[in-house]
């Protein structure tokens, strides 16, 4: 199966949804290359970027689940880098 490299950009505006967000990230942990979180205290939000290497349908499912959480926005940027999964 072909995998792609992508980055999911996440903005957390509702801290009450963080535990659900972390559960989703844990669920897809085997596909996550790395993640970086930046608290923006002045605006009361958190900015998270998650780098993944996964099949297209997995990336879409993960991003969709995250985007449906209350007070959380997610957008995905795909690279043209693909490979066959091992």
N, C-alpha and C. Protein backbone atom coordinates (compact mmCIF):
# COMPACT_ATOMS: atom_id res chain seq x y z
N UNK A 1 0.85 -1.18 0.00
CA UNK A 1 0.00 0.00 0.00
C UNK A 1 0.89 1.24 0.00
N UNK A 2 0.50 2.23 -0.78
CA UNK A 2 1.27 3.46 -0.89
C UNK A 2 0.99 4.39 0.29
N UNK A 3 2.06 4.97 0.83
CA UNK A 3 1.92 5.96 1.90
C UNK A 3 2.38 7.32 1.42
N UNK A 4 1.88 8.35 2.10
CA UNK A 4 2.26 9.73 1.78
C UNK A 4 2.74 10.42 3.05
N UNK A 5 3.56 11.42 2.85
CA UNK A 5 4.00 12.26 3.96
C UNK A 5 3.12 13.50 3.96
N UNK A 6 2.63 13.87 5.14
CA UNK A 6 1.75 15.03 5.26
C UNK A 6 1.97 15.70 6.61
N UNK A 7 1.50 16.93 6.70
CA UNK A 7 1.49 17.65 7.96
C UNK A 7 0.05 18.06 8.25
N UNK A 8 -0.39 17.76 9.46
CA UNK A 8 -1.71 18.20 9.91
C UNK A 8 -1.50 19.38 10.85
N UNK A 9 -2.02 20.54 10.47
CA UNK A 9 -1.95 21.73 11.31
C UNK A 9 -3.21 21.81 12.15
N UNK A 10 -3.05 21.95 13.46
CA UNK A 10 -4.18 21.93 14.39
C UNK A 10 -4.16 23.19 15.24
N UNK A 11 -5.32 23.85 15.35
CA UNK A 11 -5.49 24.99 16.25
C UNK A 11 -6.49 24.56 17.32
N UNK A 12 -6.07 24.65 18.57
CA UNK A 12 -6.94 24.28 19.70
C UNK A 12 -7.42 25.55 20.37
N UNK A 13 -8.71 25.80 20.26
CA UNK A 13 -9.32 26.97 20.90
C UNK A 13 -10.12 26.58 22.14
N UNK A 14 -10.40 25.28 22.29
CA UNK A 14 -11.20 24.79 23.41
C UNK A 14 -10.40 23.73 24.16
N UNK A 15 -9.86 24.11 25.30
CA UNK A 15 -9.05 23.19 26.09
C UNK A 15 -9.80 21.96 26.56
N UNK A 16 -11.13 22.03 26.60
CA UNK A 16 -11.93 20.89 27.04
C UNK A 16 -11.85 19.71 26.07
N UNK A 17 -11.41 19.95 24.84
CA UNK A 17 -11.33 18.89 23.84
C UNK A 17 -9.94 18.27 23.73
N UNK A 18 -9.00 18.70 24.54
CA UNK A 18 -7.62 18.23 24.43
C UNK A 18 -7.50 16.74 24.72
N UNK A 19 -8.23 16.23 25.70
CA UNK A 19 -8.12 14.80 26.00
C UNK A 19 -8.61 13.96 24.82
N UNK A 20 -9.67 14.40 24.15
CA UNK A 20 -10.16 13.69 22.97
C UNK A 20 -9.13 13.77 21.83
N UNK A 21 -8.51 14.93 21.67
CA UNK A 21 -7.48 15.10 20.66
C UNK A 21 -6.32 14.15 20.92
N UNK A 22 -5.86 14.09 22.16
CA UNK A 22 -4.75 13.21 22.51
C UNK A 22 -5.11 11.75 22.29
N UNK A 23 -6.36 11.38 22.53
CA UNK A 23 -6.80 10.00 22.29
C UNK A 23 -6.71 9.66 20.80
N UNK A 24 -7.10 10.60 19.95
CA UNK A 24 -7.02 10.38 18.50
C UNK A 24 -5.56 10.27 18.06
N UNK A 25 -4.72 11.16 18.55
CA UNK A 25 -3.29 11.11 18.20
C UNK A 25 -2.67 9.79 18.67
N UNK A 26 -3.07 9.31 19.83
CA UNK A 26 -2.57 8.04 20.34
C UNK A 26 -3.03 6.88 19.45
N UNK A 27 -4.29 6.94 19.02
CA UNK A 27 -4.86 5.91 18.15
C UNK A 27 -4.06 5.76 16.85
N UNK A 28 -3.58 6.87 16.31
CA UNK A 28 -2.84 6.87 15.06
C UNK A 28 -1.33 7.01 15.28
N UNK A 29 -0.88 6.76 16.47
CA UNK A 29 0.52 6.97 16.84
C UNK A 29 1.54 6.25 15.97
N UNK A 30 1.18 5.09 15.44
CA UNK A 30 2.15 4.35 14.63
C UNK A 30 2.44 5.03 13.29
N UNK A 31 1.60 5.99 12.89
CA UNK A 31 1.79 6.72 11.64
C UNK A 31 2.44 8.09 11.86
N UNK A 32 2.57 8.52 13.10
CA UNK A 32 3.09 9.86 13.40
C UNK A 32 4.61 9.85 13.42
N UNK A 33 5.19 10.72 12.61
CA UNK A 33 6.65 10.88 12.57
C UNK A 33 7.09 11.74 13.75
N UNK A 34 6.35 12.82 14.00
CA UNK A 34 6.67 13.73 15.10
C UNK A 34 5.59 14.78 15.24
N UNK A 35 5.61 15.46 16.37
CA UNK A 35 4.64 16.53 16.58
C UNK A 35 5.28 17.65 17.38
N UNK A 36 4.77 18.86 17.16
CA UNK A 36 5.27 20.03 17.87
C UNK A 36 4.07 20.86 18.31
N UNK A 37 4.05 21.23 19.56
CA UNK A 37 2.98 22.06 20.08
C UNK A 37 3.52 23.38 20.60
N UNK A 38 2.80 24.44 20.29
CA UNK A 38 3.19 25.78 20.73
C UNK A 38 2.01 26.42 21.45
N UNK A 39 2.13 26.65 22.76
CA UNK A 39 1.06 27.38 23.44
C UNK A 39 1.17 28.87 23.13
N UNK A 40 0.08 29.47 22.77
CA UNK A 40 0.05 30.90 22.48
C UNK A 40 -0.82 31.54 23.56
N UNK A 41 -0.18 31.77 24.70
CA UNK A 41 -0.89 32.22 25.90
C UNK A 41 -1.63 33.54 25.70
N UNK A 42 -1.04 34.46 24.94
CA UNK A 42 -1.66 35.77 24.74
C UNK A 42 -3.03 35.66 24.06
N UNK A 43 -3.20 34.63 23.23
CA UNK A 43 -4.46 34.43 22.50
C UNK A 43 -5.32 33.32 23.10
N UNK A 44 -4.76 32.59 24.06
CA UNK A 44 -5.50 31.51 24.70
C UNK A 44 -5.73 30.31 23.80
N UNK A 45 -4.78 30.05 22.88
CA UNK A 45 -4.90 28.91 21.97
C UNK A 45 -3.61 28.10 21.99
N UNK A 46 -3.68 26.93 21.39
CA UNK A 46 -2.49 26.10 21.19
C UNK A 46 -2.41 25.76 19.71
N UNK A 47 -1.19 25.76 19.19
CA UNK A 47 -0.94 25.46 17.79
C UNK A 47 -0.11 24.18 17.76
N UNK A 48 -0.60 23.19 17.02
CA UNK A 48 0.07 21.89 16.96
C UNK A 48 0.29 21.51 15.50
N UNK A 49 1.49 21.02 15.20
CA UNK A 49 1.73 20.44 13.87
C UNK A 49 2.11 18.98 14.08
N UNK A 50 1.52 18.12 13.27
CA UNK A 50 1.76 16.69 13.36
C UNK A 50 2.22 16.19 11.99
N UNK A 51 3.42 15.64 11.93
CA UNK A 51 3.95 15.08 10.68
C UNK A 51 3.61 13.59 10.66
N UNK A 52 3.04 13.13 9.54
CA UNK A 52 2.63 11.73 9.42
C UNK A 52 3.15 11.12 8.13
N UNK A 53 3.28 9.82 8.13
CA UNK A 53 3.59 9.03 6.94
C UNK A 53 2.62 7.85 6.98
N UNK A 54 1.60 7.92 6.14
CA UNK A 54 0.51 6.94 6.22
C UNK A 54 -0.22 6.86 4.88
N UNK A 55 -1.03 5.82 4.69
CA UNK A 55 -1.88 5.77 3.51
C UNK A 55 -2.86 6.96 3.50
N UNK A 56 -3.23 7.39 2.31
CA UNK A 56 -4.12 8.55 2.14
C UNK A 56 -5.39 8.43 2.99
N UNK A 57 -6.01 7.26 3.00
CA UNK A 57 -7.27 7.10 3.74
C UNK A 57 -7.06 7.23 5.25
N UNK A 58 -5.92 6.83 5.76
CA UNK A 58 -5.63 6.96 7.19
C UNK A 58 -5.44 8.43 7.55
N UNK A 59 -4.71 9.16 6.72
CA UNK A 59 -4.48 10.59 6.97
C UNK A 59 -5.81 11.33 6.95
N UNK A 60 -6.65 11.04 5.98
CA UNK A 60 -7.96 11.70 5.88
C UNK A 60 -8.84 11.38 7.08
N UNK A 61 -8.85 10.13 7.50
CA UNK A 61 -9.67 9.74 8.65
C UNK A 61 -9.20 10.44 9.92
N UNK A 62 -7.90 10.47 10.12
CA UNK A 62 -7.34 11.12 11.31
C UNK A 62 -7.65 12.61 11.33
N UNK A 63 -7.41 13.28 10.21
CA UNK A 63 -7.68 14.71 10.12
C UNK A 63 -9.17 15.00 10.30
N UNK A 64 -10.02 14.16 9.73
CA UNK A 64 -11.46 14.35 9.87
C UNK A 64 -11.93 14.21 11.30
N UNK A 65 -11.42 13.20 12.00
CA UNK A 65 -11.79 13.01 13.41
C UNK A 65 -11.36 14.22 14.25
N UNK A 66 -10.16 14.70 13.98
CA UNK A 66 -9.65 15.85 14.74
C UNK A 66 -10.49 17.09 14.44
N UNK A 67 -10.80 17.32 13.18
CA UNK A 67 -11.56 18.50 12.78
C UNK A 67 -12.98 18.52 13.30
N UNK A 68 -13.54 17.36 13.67
CA UNK A 68 -14.90 17.31 14.20
C UNK A 68 -14.97 17.59 15.69
N UNK A 69 -13.82 17.70 16.34
CA UNK A 69 -13.83 18.00 17.78
C UNK A 69 -14.24 19.45 18.01
N UNK A 70 -14.97 19.67 19.07
CA UNK A 70 -15.44 21.02 19.40
C UNK A 70 -14.28 21.95 19.74
N UNK A 71 -14.23 23.09 19.05
CA UNK A 71 -13.21 24.09 19.33
C UNK A 71 -11.83 23.76 18.78
N UNK A 72 -11.77 22.80 17.85
CA UNK A 72 -10.49 22.43 17.24
C UNK A 72 -10.63 22.48 15.73
N UNK A 73 -9.65 23.11 15.08
CA UNK A 73 -9.61 23.18 13.62
C UNK A 73 -8.39 22.41 13.13
N UNK A 74 -8.54 21.73 11.99
CA UNK A 74 -7.41 20.98 11.43
C UNK A 74 -7.41 21.10 9.92
N UNK A 75 -6.24 21.28 9.37
CA UNK A 75 -6.03 21.30 7.92
C UNK A 75 -4.81 20.44 7.61
N UNK A 76 -4.86 19.79 6.46
CA UNK A 76 -3.78 18.88 6.09
C UNK A 76 -3.10 19.36 4.81
N UNK A 77 -1.78 19.29 4.82
CA UNK A 77 -0.98 19.61 3.65
C UNK A 77 -0.21 18.35 3.28
N UNK A 78 -0.36 17.92 2.03
CA UNK A 78 0.28 16.69 1.55
C UNK A 78 1.53 17.01 0.75
N UNK A 79 2.56 16.19 0.94
CA UNK A 79 3.74 16.31 0.09
C UNK A 79 3.55 15.39 -1.12
N UNK A 80 4.42 15.52 -2.07
CA UNK A 80 4.41 14.62 -3.23
C UNK A 80 5.26 13.37 -2.96
N UNK A 81 5.80 13.26 -1.75
CA UNK A 81 6.65 12.13 -1.38
C UNK A 81 5.76 10.94 -1.05
N UNK A 82 5.91 9.87 -1.81
CA UNK A 82 5.17 8.64 -1.56
C UNK A 82 6.13 7.47 -1.53
N UNK A 83 5.70 6.38 -0.92
CA UNK A 83 6.48 5.15 -0.93
C UNK A 83 5.56 3.98 -0.65
N UNK A 84 6.04 2.80 -0.92
CA UNK A 84 5.30 1.59 -0.61
C UNK A 84 5.55 1.27 0.85
N UNK A 85 4.48 0.96 1.59
CA UNK A 85 4.64 0.64 3.00
C UNK A 85 5.37 -0.69 3.15
N UNK A 86 6.03 -0.85 4.26
CA UNK A 86 6.85 -2.04 4.50
C UNK A 86 6.05 -3.12 5.16
